Amino acid sequence: MEKIGKKILNLEALEQIVLQKDEISIDADAAAEVAASHSFLKNFAKDKLIYGINTGFGPMAQYRIEDEDARQLQLNLIRSHSSGMGTLLTPDQSRALMLARLNTLLRAYSGVHPELIELMTALINAEAYPCVYQHGGVGASGDLVQLAHLALGLIGEGYFQYKGEVKPAKEVFEALQLKPLNMHIREGLSLLNGTSAMTGIGAINVLHARKLMCGQILFSLMVNEIMEAYDDHFSEELNGVKLHKGQQVVAAAMRAITKNSKLMRKRSEHLYEKKVTETVIEDKVQEYYSLRCVPQILGPIYDTIEYTAQIIEQELNSVNDNPVVDYRTENIYHGGNFHGDYVALEMDKLKIAITKLSMLAERQLNFVLNPALNKRLTPFVNQGILGLNFGIQGMQYPAVSNVAENQTLSNPAYIHSIPNNNDNQDIVSMGTNAALICARVIENSFETLSVYAYALIQAIHAKDFQDRLSPATRWMYDEISAMAPPFIEDSPAFEKLAHIKNWLMTTEVGAKMKKLLGW
């Protein structure tokens, strides 16, 4: 069980809570601070005009609300903004959204009643998530529409995703023997104003992007092993003179992984220590860019992923609603911490980086399938009768299609601000759109890598190179070939590709690599 509230919630802990479904508990000191924040707000708000407590919202803030209508004001805000459309967020995305919102409220700058954090904790632990729709947020004043649907579920209205079904909120509360949230001072506004939808989705995007990076490093080495390529393109000497961290990290990983490979060659042994007399060199002196420029291509992608991780962690642990209720200084501050520009920009950068990763995978896949390029394998790595059988030929299309879609989706959302809300929100972030589009690019990339992985399995088997692979690439070969064995006769591949995709998305490839390499 993960205790949250007082310490920084990092992505490693979020992964355990969201993807591995670890239960959570609330730090007692954090809960006490939430209670103190609520108590301060309750006393401070008497006889004062405070936005969102006794005023309308947004451009309606000029209208004063009577005390007897304060609770109804919060309920009206939730109900009026529960206008989401399109596809539901996945259960994992909804769980991440709830965790991100809860963690923000536990900073104790929101003035919410402790009942709210207790209810959110219970629902997360029960794996019961209010139905939240993809379409609706513009990422300023927070993820208003997405978070309104979260709040709608918490007050016992709308629908939940629970035990694999969509059920009315009332049924879920009855099944769990919980009571819906009783609105107090500003729970409605505290739930809606914030970046928790884009941040939760963004956190999952980073975790998946790291898996794509680890997988693509291994696949890049597997194609180099198939070609018995020279290893100096990821040598310390060559990469050390290019002063970028990501490139050096990728090159170092490639060196460590191939340390015990029996397929990678030393240039000095084959070209320097013996005299080469041929006028035309049949063997490749240098590989194509997609094989020998891996550190230079994956390096900036690594840097982008890790910088995005830093920004997401900062946002995850930030106070991002408005106004900020500070019981410590006994004051309330109005501003725009709900603005999602930090997350929006990073999501756009991340999707561009992952699109480039998918492009590298597709080029390597094309190299493996085209005998005019690799000069070592049959067309489409076909192990049957050429012309009668087709090998990987029919699988290349979805890989290429997904990369093309990624390229189209890589236009930035961050700069597509459209004023709305009577021009109160006159410049917005589109952060949730950016995070959702990034998630689609990431899923597309897993599909491209799934086809590529299957082709590599076929190629390694065709060359009978299994026993000469490095331990890490042999592990990858064994795992994937168990799901999608090498084949001669054609058969529908869609189920095997789906198994590979699911395995790539859920397996801790990075952790396995570290274990194999003794890192």
Protein backbone atom coordinates (compact mmCIF):
# COMPACT_ATOMS: atom_id res chain seq x y z
CA MET A 1 0.00 0.00 0.00
CA GLU A 2 1.30 3.42 -1.00
CA LYS A 3 0.94 6.26 1.50
CA ILE A 4 0.38 9.59 -0.22
CA GLY A 5 -0.04 13.19 0.80
CA LYS A 6 3.12 14.36 2.50
CA LYS A 7 5.96 13.15 0.31
CA ILE A 8 6.41 13.86 -3.39
CA LEU A 9 4.39 11.47 -5.56
CA ASN A 10 6.84 10.37 -8.24
CA LEU A 11 6.10 8.51 -11.45
CA GLU A 12 7.41 5.24 -10.07
CA ALA A 13 4.85 5.37 -7.25
CA LEU A 14 2.13 6.48 -9.67
CA GLU A 15 2.90 3.50 -11.88
CA GLN A 16 2.41 1.12 -8.96
CA ILE A 17 -0.86 2.78 -7.97
CA VAL A 18 -2.33 3.30 -11.44
CA LEU A 19 -1.01 0.45 -13.58
CA GLN A 20 -0.32 -2.17 -10.92
CA LYS A 21 -3.42 -1.22 -8.88
CA ASP A 22 -1.67 -0.81 -5.52
CA GLU A 23 -4.02 0.55 -2.88
CA ILE A 24 -3.38 3.91 -1.24
CA SER A 25 -3.67 5.42 2.23
CA ILE A 26 -3.53 9.06 3.30
CA ASP A 27 -0.70 10.37 5.44
CA ALA A 28 -2.18 11.47 8.78
CA ASP A 29 -0.28 14.78 8.80
CA ALA A 30 -1.53 15.59 5.30
CA ALA A 31 -5.11 14.81 6.33
CA ALA A 32 -4.73 17.12 9.32
CA GLU A 33 -3.53 19.92 7.06
CA VAL A 34 -6.53 19.43 4.74
CA ALA A 35 -8.79 19.79 7.79
CA ALA A 36 -6.91 22.93 8.87
CA SER A 37 -7.28 24.42 5.39
CA HIS A 38 -11.03 23.78 5.40
CA SER A 39 -11.45 25.21 8.88
CA PHE A 40 -9.56 28.37 7.93
CA LEU A 41 -11.63 28.89 4.78
CA LYS A 42 -14.88 28.35 6.66
CA ASN A 43 -13.99 31.07 9.16
CA PHE A 44 -12.25 33.43 6.72
CA ALA A 45 -15.12 33.41 4.23
CA LYS A 46 -17.60 34.99 6.64
CA ASP A 47 -18.66 38.46 5.50
CA LYS A 48 -16.15 38.52 2.63
CA LEU A 49 -16.61 38.41 -1.12
CA ILE A 50 -14.53 35.45 -2.38
CA TYR A 51 -14.56 34.12 -5.91
CA GLY A 52 -16.34 30.83 -6.30
CA ILE A 53 -17.75 30.81 -2.78
CA ASN A 54 -20.27 33.61 -2.92
CA THR A 55 -19.83 34.68 -6.55
CA GLY A 56 -20.61 33.15 -9.88
CA PHE A 57 -17.85 31.55 -11.96
CA GLY A 58 -15.74 32.88 -14.84
CA PRO A 59 -17.39 35.94 -16.44
CA MET A 60 -20.31 35.39 -14.02
CA ALA A 61 -18.03 36.32 -11.09
CA GLN A 62 -19.54 39.81 -11.05
CA TYR A 63 -22.73 38.38 -9.60
CA ARG A 64 -22.90 37.94 -5.84
CA ILE A 65 -24.50 34.75 -4.48
CA GLU A 66 -26.49 34.68 -1.26
CA ASP A 67 -25.25 32.48 1.59
CA GLU A 68 -28.27 30.20 1.46
CA ASP A 69 -27.46 29.39 -2.19
CA ALA A 70 -23.75 28.60 -1.62
CA ARG A 71 -24.17 24.82 -1.67
CA GLN A 72 -26.43 24.93 -4.70
CA LEU A 73 -23.83 27.08 -6.46
CA GLN A 74 -21.26 24.28 -6.22
CA LEU A 75 -23.75 21.66 -7.42
CA ASN A 76 -24.82 23.86 -10.33
CA LEU A 77 -21.19 24.27 -11.37
CA ILE A 78 -20.69 20.49 -11.48
CA ARG A 79 -23.91 19.71 -13.28
CA SER A 80 -23.66 22.52 -15.82
CA HIS A 81 -20.13 21.55 -16.85
CA SER A 82 -20.80 17.81 -17.12
CA SER A 83 -21.03 18.16 -20.88
CA GLY A 84 -18.29 15.81 -22.07
CA MET A 85 -18.60 13.96 -25.34
CA GLY A 86 -16.85 11.27 -27.33
CA THR A 87 -15.12 8.18 -25.98
CA LEU A 88 -14.68 7.51 -22.28
CA LEU A 89 -11.23 7.75 -20.79
CA THR A 90 -9.79 4.30 -20.16
CA PRO A 91 -10.02 2.98 -16.58
CA ASP A 92 -6.26 3.53 -16.19
CA GLN A 93 -6.55 7.14 -17.40
CA SER A 94 -9.49 7.77 -15.05
CA ARG A 95 -7.58 6.22 -12.14
CA ALA A 96 -4.58 8.44 -12.92
CA LEU A 97 -6.84 11.51 -13.15
CA MET A 98 -8.35 10.75 -9.74
CA LEU A 99 -4.96 10.15 -8.17
CA ALA A 100 -3.59 13.38 -9.62
CA ARG A 101 -6.57 15.38 -8.32
CA LEU A 102 -6.37 13.74 -4.90
CA ASN A 103 -2.66 14.44 -4.62
CA THR A 104 -3.25 18.11 -5.44
CA LEU A 105 -5.99 18.43 -2.85
CA LEU A 106 -3.64 16.87 -0.29
CA ARG A 107 -1.33 19.87 -0.69
CA ALA A 108 -3.96 21.54 1.59
CA TYR A 109 -4.35 24.73 -0.43
CA SER A 110 -7.90 24.08 -1.62
CA GLY A 111 -10.08 24.44 1.47
CA VAL A 112 -11.94 21.17 0.87
CA HIS A 113 -13.59 19.11 3.58
CA PRO A 114 -11.65 15.95 4.62
CA GLU A 115 -14.69 13.94 3.56
CA LEU A 116 -13.69 14.53 -0.07
CA ILE A 117 -10.22 13.00 0.22
CA GLU A 118 -11.63 10.04 2.17
CA LEU A 119 -14.22 9.33 -0.52
CA MET A 120 -11.72 9.64 -3.38
CA THR A 121 -9.34 7.28 -1.58
CA ALA A 122 -12.07 4.69 -1.07
CA LEU A 123 -13.15 4.82 -4.72
CA ILE A 124 -9.59 4.52 -6.02
CA ASN A 125 -9.00 1.49 -3.79
CA ALA A 126 -12.28 -0.05 -4.98
CA GLU A 127 -11.28 0.54 -8.64
CA ALA A 128 -14.48 2.52 -9.18
CA TYR A 129 -14.08 5.47 -11.53
CA PRO A 130 -16.61 8.15 -12.55
CA CYS A 131 -17.14 8.10 -16.31
CA VAL A 132 -15.04 10.88 -17.85
CA TYR A 133 -15.22 11.75 -21.54
CA GLN A 134 -12.30 12.61 -23.79
CA HIS A 135 -13.85 15.64 -25.46
CA GLY A 136 -14.61 18.86 -23.63
CA GLY A 137 -11.59 20.43 -21.98
CA VAL A 138 -9.57 23.37 -23.29
CA GLY A 139 -6.95 23.18 -20.56
CA ALA A 140 -7.50 26.55 -18.91
CA SER A 141 -9.51 27.18 -15.75
CA GLY A 142 -8.32 23.61 -15.65
CA ASP A 143 -9.76 20.52 -17.25
CA LEU A 144 -13.21 21.85 -16.44
CA VAL A 145 -15.38 19.37 -18.31
CA GLN A 146 -13.36 16.24 -17.54
CA LEU A 147 -13.10 17.16 -13.85
CA ALA A 148 -16.81 18.06 -13.76
CA HIS A 149 -17.55 14.44 -14.67
CA LEU A 150 -15.26 13.31 -11.86
CA ALA A 151 -17.16 15.58 -9.46
CA LEU A 152 -20.52 14.41 -10.84
CA GLY A 153 -19.64 10.87 -9.89
CA LEU A 154 -18.48 11.93 -6.44
CA ILE A 155 -21.84 13.56 -5.67
CA GLY A 156 -23.55 10.31 -6.65
CA GLU A 157 -24.75 11.26 -10.12
CA GLY A 158 -23.83 10.15 -13.62
CA TYR A 159 -22.08 6.83 -14.27
CA PHE A 160 -19.06 4.84 -13.14
CA GLN A 161 -16.70 2.37 -14.75
CA TYR A 162 -16.75 -0.48 -12.25
CA LYS A 163 -15.80 -4.13 -12.64
CA GLY A 164 -15.59 -3.89 -16.40
CA GLU A 165 -19.03 -2.32 -16.83
CA VAL A 166 -20.56 1.15 -16.99
CA LYS A 167 -23.02 1.43 -14.09
CA PRO A 168 -25.17 4.21 -12.59
CA ALA A 169 -23.41 6.01 -9.74
CA LYS A 170 -26.19 5.09 -7.32
CA GLU A 171 -25.60 1.35 -7.88
CA VAL A 172 -21.85 1.71 -7.33
CA PHE A 173 -22.26 3.63 -4.07
CA GLU A 174 -24.74 1.03 -2.83
CA ALA A 175 -22.44 -1.85 -3.78
CA LEU A 176 -19.49 -0.24 -2.00
CA GLN A 177 -21.60 0.96 0.95
CA LEU A 178 -20.33 4.50 0.50
CA LYS A 179 -22.13 7.82 0.72
CA PRO A 180 -21.83 10.45 -2.05
CA LEU A 181 -19.99 13.66 -1.30
CA ASN A 182 -21.87 16.19 0.82
CA MET A 183 -21.04 19.60 -0.62
CA HIS A 184 -19.51 22.05 1.84
CA ILE A 185 -17.88 25.39 0.92
CA ARG A 186 -16.10 25.05 -2.42
CA GLU A 187 -15.64 21.36 -3.23
CA GLY A 188 -17.18 21.87 -6.66
CA LEU A 189 -14.72 24.56 -7.71
CA SER A 190 -11.80 22.74 -6.03
CA LEU A 191 -12.51 19.66 -8.10
CA LEU A 192 -13.04 21.42 -11.43
CA ASN A 193 -10.23 23.98 -11.38
CA GLY A 194 -7.05 22.06 -12.12
CA THR A 195 -4.86 20.22 -14.58
CA SER A 196 -5.43 16.72 -13.22
CA ALA A 197 -6.89 15.17 -16.39
CA MET A 198 -4.03 16.21 -18.65
CA THR A 199 -1.52 15.43 -15.88
CA GLY A 200 -2.88 11.96 -15.15
CA ILE A 201 -3.04 11.04 -18.84
CA GLY A 202 0.39 12.64 -19.35
CA ALA A 203 1.89 10.54 -16.56
CA ILE A 204 0.72 7.32 -18.22
CA ASN A 205 2.08 8.63 -21.53
CA VAL A 206 5.53 9.07 -19.99
CA LEU A 207 5.48 5.57 -18.48
CA HIS A 208 4.53 4.07 -21.83
CA ALA A 209 7.05 6.21 -23.68
CA ARG A 210 9.81 4.79 -21.47
CA LYS A 211 8.71 1.28 -22.43
CA LEU A 212 8.78 2.20 -26.10
CA MET A 213 12.30 3.54 -25.66
CA CYS A 214 13.55 0.36 -23.99
CA GLY A 215 11.87 -1.82 -26.58
CA GLN A 216 13.21 0.17 -29.51
CA ILE A 217 16.78 0.04 -28.15
CA LEU A 218 16.53 -3.76 -27.98
CA PHE A 219 14.95 -4.05 -31.42
CA SER A 220 17.60 -1.76 -32.90
CA LEU A 221 20.27 -4.06 -31.51
CA MET A 222 18.49 -7.15 -32.78
CA VAL A 223 18.52 -5.84 -36.36
CA ASN A 224 22.19 -4.97 -35.96
CA GLU A 225 22.87 -8.48 -34.70
CA ILE A 226 20.98 -10.00 -37.64
CA MET A 227 23.24 -7.99 -39.97
CA GLU A 228 26.38 -8.84 -37.95
CA ALA A 229 27.10 -5.13 -38.02
CA TYR A 230 30.20 -3.38 -36.70
CA ASP A 231 29.81 -2.13 -33.15
CA ASP A 232 31.80 1.10 -33.33
CA HIS A 233 28.72 3.21 -34.10
CA PHE A 234 27.74 2.94 -30.45
CA SER A 235 31.29 2.97 -29.06
CA GLU A 236 32.19 5.21 -26.14
CA GLU A 237 34.91 6.84 -28.21
CA LEU A 238 32.56 7.91 -30.99
CA ASN A 239 29.59 8.95 -28.85
CA GLY A 240 31.68 10.54 -26.13
CA VAL A 241 32.69 13.39 -28.41
CA LYS A 242 29.02 14.35 -28.97
CA LEU A 243 28.04 16.16 -25.80
CA HIS A 244 24.39 15.17 -25.44
CA LYS A 245 23.27 13.13 -22.44
CA GLY A 246 20.59 11.14 -24.27
CA GLN A 247 22.93 10.01 -27.02
CA GLN A 248 25.50 8.88 -24.49
CA VAL A 249 22.90 7.05 -22.39
CA VAL A 250 21.54 5.18 -25.42
CA ALA A 251 25.01 4.30 -26.67
CA ALA A 252 26.06 3.09 -23.22
CA ALA A 253 22.96 0.89 -23.02
CA MET A 254 23.71 -0.56 -26.45
CA ARG A 255 27.28 -1.37 -25.42
CA ALA A 256 26.16 -3.03 -22.21
CA ILE A 257 23.45 -5.08 -23.91
CA THR A 258 25.73 -6.38 -26.68
CA LYS A 259 28.72 -7.08 -24.44
CA ASN A 260 28.14 -10.84 -24.72
CA SER A 261 26.69 -10.90 -28.24
CA LYS A 262 28.36 -13.34 -30.61
CA LEU A 263 27.05 -11.51 -33.65
CA MET A 264 28.34 -7.93 -33.43
CA ARG A 265 31.70 -7.43 -35.15
CA LYS A 266 34.80 -5.37 -34.41
CA ARG A 267 35.79 -3.13 -37.30
CA SER A 268 39.48 -3.42 -36.46
CA GLU A 269 39.42 -7.22 -36.77
CA HIS A 270 37.81 -7.25 -40.21
CA LEU A 271 39.04 -4.09 -41.91
CA TYR A 272 42.10 -2.77 -40.09
CA GLU A 273 44.09 -5.81 -38.98
CA LYS A 274 44.04 -7.50 -42.38
CA LYS A 275 44.63 -6.11 -45.83
CA VAL A 276 41.51 -5.55 -47.92
CA THR A 277 42.33 -6.13 -51.61
CA GLU A 278 38.89 -6.28 -53.27
CA THR A 279 38.07 -3.43 -55.63
CA VAL A 280 34.37 -3.72 -54.88
CA ILE A 281 33.58 -4.51 -51.23
CA GLU A 282 30.61 -6.86 -51.03
CA ASP A 283 30.30 -6.49 -47.26
CA LYS A 284 28.83 -3.22 -46.01
CA VAL A 285 31.54 -0.84 -44.79
CA GLN A 286 28.87 1.29 -43.12
CA GLU A 287 25.26 0.36 -42.35
CA TYR A 288 22.25 2.41 -43.38
CA TYR A 289 21.42 5.32 -41.07
CA SER A 290 18.53 3.47 -39.42
CA LEU A 291 21.03 0.89 -38.11
CA ARG A 292 24.11 2.97 -37.31
CA CYS A 293 22.59 6.29 -36.17
CA VAL A 294 20.48 4.82 -33.37
CA PRO A 295 22.18 6.78 -30.53
CA GLN A 296 21.86 10.02 -32.46
CA ILE A 297 18.15 9.38 -33.23
CA LEU A 298 17.01 7.86 -29.93
CA GLY A 299 19.20 10.20 -27.84
CA PRO A 300 17.03 13.31 -28.19
CA ILE A 301 13.93 11.15 -27.76
CA TYR A 302 15.33 9.89 -24.47
CA ASP A 303 16.07 13.45 -23.36
CA THR A 304 12.54 14.54 -24.29
CA ILE A 305 10.93 11.68 -22.38
CA GLU A 306 12.93 12.37 -19.25
CA TYR A 307 12.37 16.13 -19.33
CA THR A 308 8.65 15.51 -19.82
CA ALA A 309 8.76 13.16 -16.82
CA GLN A 310 10.25 15.97 -14.74
CA ILE A 311 7.53 18.44 -15.76
CA ILE A 312 4.73 15.93 -15.17
CA GLU A 313 6.05 15.13 -11.69
CA GLN A 314 6.22 18.83 -10.88
CA GLU A 315 2.64 19.38 -12.06
CA LEU A 316 1.46 16.26 -10.26
CA ASN A 317 2.71 17.69 -6.97
CA SER A 318 1.66 21.29 -7.60
CA VAL A 319 -1.31 23.28 -6.38
CA ASN A 320 -3.19 23.91 -9.62
CA ASP A 321 -6.60 25.27 -8.70
CA ASN A 322 -7.90 28.80 -8.10
CA PRO A 323 -8.07 30.60 -5.81
CA VAL A 324 -5.28 29.25 -3.61
CA VAL A 325 -6.44 28.95 -0.01
CA ASP A 326 -3.39 29.44 2.21
CA TYR A 327 -4.20 28.84 5.86
CA ARG A 328 -0.53 29.22 6.66
CA THR A 329 -0.49 32.90 5.68
CA GLU A 330 -4.19 33.28 6.44
CA ASN A 331 -4.98 34.63 3.01
CA ILE A 332 -6.54 33.67 -0.32
CA TYR A 333 -4.76 34.32 -3.62
CA HIS A 334 -6.36 34.58 -7.06
CA GLY A 335 -4.51 33.73 -10.26
CA GLY A 336 -4.17 31.06 -12.92
CA ASN A 337 -2.40 27.97 -11.57
CA PHE A 338 -5.06 25.94 -13.39
CA HIS A 339 -3.52 26.90 -16.76
CA GLY A 340 -2.14 23.81 -18.47
CA ASP A 341 0.63 25.23 -20.65
CA TYR A 342 3.44 23.29 -19.02
CA VAL A 343 1.75 19.94 -19.63
CA ALA A 344 0.41 20.90 -23.06
CA LEU A 345 3.81 21.87 -24.42
CA GLU A 346 5.45 18.72 -23.06
CA MET A 347 2.75 16.48 -24.49
CA ASP A 348 3.30 18.01 -27.94
CA LYS A 349 7.06 17.55 -27.63
CA LEU A 350 6.62 13.99 -26.42
CA LYS A 351 4.31 13.00 -29.28
CA ILE A 352 6.76 14.43 -31.82
CA ALA A 353 9.58 12.43 -30.21
CA ILE A 354 7.54 9.22 -30.15
CA THR A 355 6.50 9.74 -33.76
CA LYS A 356 10.20 9.86 -34.67
CA LEU A 357 10.76 6.66 -32.67
CA SER A 358 7.98 4.97 -34.66
CA MET A 359 9.54 6.23 -37.89
CA LEU A 360 12.87 4.66 -36.92
CA ALA A 361 11.14 1.35 -36.16
CA GLU A 362 9.31 1.45 -39.49
CA ARG A 363 12.54 2.13 -41.43
CA GLN A 364 14.27 -0.75 -39.66
CA LEU A 365 11.26 -2.96 -40.39
CA ASN A 366 11.40 -2.01 -44.06
CA PHE A 367 15.12 -2.82 -44.09
CA VAL A 368 14.46 -6.30 -42.69
CA LEU A 369 11.69 -6.99 -45.23
CA ASN A 370 13.52 -5.73 -48.33
CA PRO A 371 16.27 -8.08 -49.64
CA ALA A 372 17.57 -5.33 -51.93
CA LEU A 373 18.57 -3.47 -48.76
CA ASN A 374 19.62 -6.18 -46.32
CA LYS A 375 20.97 -8.69 -48.90
CA ARG A 376 20.71 -11.46 -46.28
CA LEU A 377 17.04 -12.36 -46.00
CA THR A 378 14.27 -13.52 -48.30
CA PRO A 379 11.60 -11.01 -49.37
CA PHE A 380 9.37 -10.22 -46.36
CA VAL A 381 11.38 -12.86 -44.43
CA ASN A 382 9.21 -15.43 -46.20
CA GLN A 383 10.17 -18.95 -45.11
CA GLY A 384 7.66 -20.66 -47.41
CA ILE A 385 7.41 -20.80 -51.19
CA LEU A 386 8.03 -17.38 -52.72
CA GLY A 387 4.90 -16.24 -54.52
CA LEU A 388 2.70 -18.82 -52.83
CA ASN A 389 3.48 -17.69 -49.28
CA PHE A 390 3.84 -14.12 -48.07
CA GLY A 391 5.70 -14.00 -44.75
CA ILE A 392 5.45 -10.57 -43.07
CA GLN A 393 4.22 -8.86 -46.26
CA GLY A 394 0.61 -8.31 -45.14
CA MET A 395 1.69 -7.10 -41.69
CA GLN A 396 3.77 -4.23 -43.00
CA TYR A 397 0.69 -2.23 -43.96
CA PRO A 398 -0.64 -1.49 -40.45
CA ALA A 399 2.86 -0.55 -39.30
CA VAL A 400 3.21 1.99 -42.11
CA SER A 401 -0.38 3.20 -41.65
CA ASN A 402 0.19 3.89 -37.96
CA VAL A 403 3.38 5.84 -38.62
CA ALA A 404 1.59 7.94 -41.24
CA GLU A 405 -1.18 8.69 -38.74
CA ASN A 406 1.43 9.63 -36.12
CA GLN A 407 2.97 12.09 -38.54
CA THR A 408 -0.43 13.69 -39.13
CA LEU A 409 -1.17 13.84 -35.40
CA SER A 410 2.18 15.45 -34.60
CA ASN A 411 0.99 18.96 -35.39
CA PRO A 412 0.98 20.83 -32.05
CA ALA A 413 -2.19 21.33 -30.02
CA TYR A 414 -0.42 23.85 -27.76
CA ILE A 415 -0.71 26.68 -30.30
CA HIS A 416 -4.36 26.04 -31.17
CA SER A 417 -5.81 28.37 -28.56
CA ILE A 418 -9.41 29.44 -29.25
CA PRO A 419 -10.93 32.06 -26.91
CA ASN A 420 -14.18 31.02 -25.19
CA ASN A 421 -16.17 31.60 -21.99
CA ASN A 422 -17.21 35.10 -23.17
CA ASP A 423 -13.52 35.76 -23.81
CA ASN A 424 -12.72 35.33 -20.12
CA GLN A 425 -10.61 32.38 -21.24
CA ASP A 426 -8.99 34.36 -24.03
CA ILE A 427 -5.88 32.17 -24.32
CA VAL A 428 -5.94 28.50 -23.39
CA SER A 429 -3.56 25.52 -23.40
CA MET A 430 -5.53 22.66 -25.00
CA GLY A 431 -3.54 20.48 -22.63
CA THR A 432 -5.96 17.57 -22.40
CA ASN A 433 -6.29 17.45 -26.18
CA ALA A 434 -2.49 17.37 -26.37
CA ALA A 435 -2.26 14.56 -23.80
CA LEU A 436 -4.96 12.46 -25.50
CA ILE A 437 -3.44 12.88 -28.95
CA CYS A 438 -0.05 11.95 -27.49
CA ALA A 439 -1.63 8.82 -26.00
CA ARG A 440 -2.93 7.86 -29.44
CA VAL A 441 0.51 8.38 -31.00
CA ILE A 442 2.01 6.17 -28.29
CA GLU A 443 -0.53 3.38 -28.86
CA ASN A 444 0.04 3.58 -32.61
CA SER A 445 3.76 3.22 -31.96
CA PHE A 446 3.25 0.08 -29.89
CA GLU A 447 1.38 -1.38 -32.86
CA THR A 448 4.22 -0.51 -35.23
CA LEU A 449 6.74 -2.06 -32.86
CA SER A 450 4.59 -5.19 -32.62
CA VAL A 451 4.88 -5.80 -36.36
CA TYR A 452 8.58 -5.03 -36.24
CA ALA A 453 9.09 -7.44 -33.34
CA TYR A 454 7.36 -10.23 -35.23
CA ALA A 455 9.54 -9.61 -38.28
CA LEU A 456 12.69 -9.75 -36.14
CA ILE A 457 11.62 -13.08 -34.64
CA GLN A 458 11.11 -14.45 -38.13
CA ALA A 459 14.48 -13.12 -39.30
CA ILE A 460 16.48 -14.41 -36.33
CA HIS A 461 14.92 -17.84 -36.74
CA ALA A 462 15.60 -17.80 -40.49
CA LYS A 463 19.30 -17.12 -39.84
CA ASP A 464 19.41 -19.56 -36.89
CA PHE A 465 20.98 -16.81 -34.79
CA GLN A 466 19.08 -17.48 -31.55
CA ASP A 467 22.05 -18.88 -29.64
CA ARG A 468 24.37 -16.09 -30.73
CA LEU A 469 22.24 -13.22 -29.50
CA SER A 470 23.14 -11.18 -26.43
CA PRO A 471 21.34 -12.27 -23.22
CA ALA A 472 18.96 -9.30 -23.34
CA THR A 473 18.00 -9.67 -26.99
CA ARG A 474 17.70 -13.45 -26.50
CA TRP A 475 15.28 -12.79 -23.66
CA MET A 476 13.23 -10.55 -25.95
CA TYR A 477 13.34 -13.20 -28.70
CA ASP A 478 12.16 -15.94 -26.32
CA GLU A 479 9.33 -13.86 -24.88
CA ILE A 480 7.92 -12.71 -28.21
CA SER A 481 8.42 -15.97 -30.09
CA ALA A 482 6.36 -17.70 -27.38
CA MET A 483 3.43 -15.45 -28.39
CA ALA A 484 4.18 -15.31 -32.10
CA PRO A 485 6.34 -18.26 -33.20
CA PRO A 486 8.29 -18.21 -36.47
CA PHE A 487 6.14 -19.57 -39.26
CA ILE A 488 6.19 -20.99 -42.79
CA GLU A 489 2.51 -21.30 -43.68
CA ASP A 490 0.45 -18.11 -43.78
CA SER A 491 -2.24 -17.58 -41.15
CA PRO A 492 -4.15 -14.57 -39.75
CA ALA A 493 -1.73 -12.54 -37.65
CA PHE A 494 -4.03 -10.04 -35.93
CA GLU A 495 -4.36 -11.96 -32.66
CA LYS A 496 -0.61 -12.57 -32.39
CA LEU A 497 0.12 -8.91 -33.05
CA ALA A 498 -2.41 -7.92 -30.38
CA HIS A 499 -0.66 -10.22 -27.89
CA ILE A 500 2.72 -8.67 -28.68
CA LYS A 501 1.31 -5.15 -28.34
CA ASN A 502 -0.26 -5.94 -24.97
CA TRP A 503 2.97 -7.53 -23.77
CA LEU A 504 5.05 -4.52 -24.83
CA MET A 505 2.64 -2.12 -23.10
CA THR A 506 2.48 -4.04 -19.81
CA THR A 507 5.89 -5.68 -19.36
CA GLU A 508 8.63 -3.92 -17.41
CA VAL A 509 11.16 -4.22 -20.22
CA GLY A 510 13.48 -1.65 -18.65
CA ALA A 511 13.53 -3.44 -15.30
CA LYS A 512 14.27 -6.76 -17.03
CA MET A 513 17.12 -5.17 -18.98
CA LYS A 514 18.63 -3.80 -15.77
CA LYS A 515 18.40 -7.23 -14.13
CA LEU A 516 19.97 -9.01 -17.10
CA LEU A 517 22.79 -6.47 -17.25
CA GLY A 518 23.35 -6.25 -13.51
CA TRP A 519 22.70 -2.50 -13.45
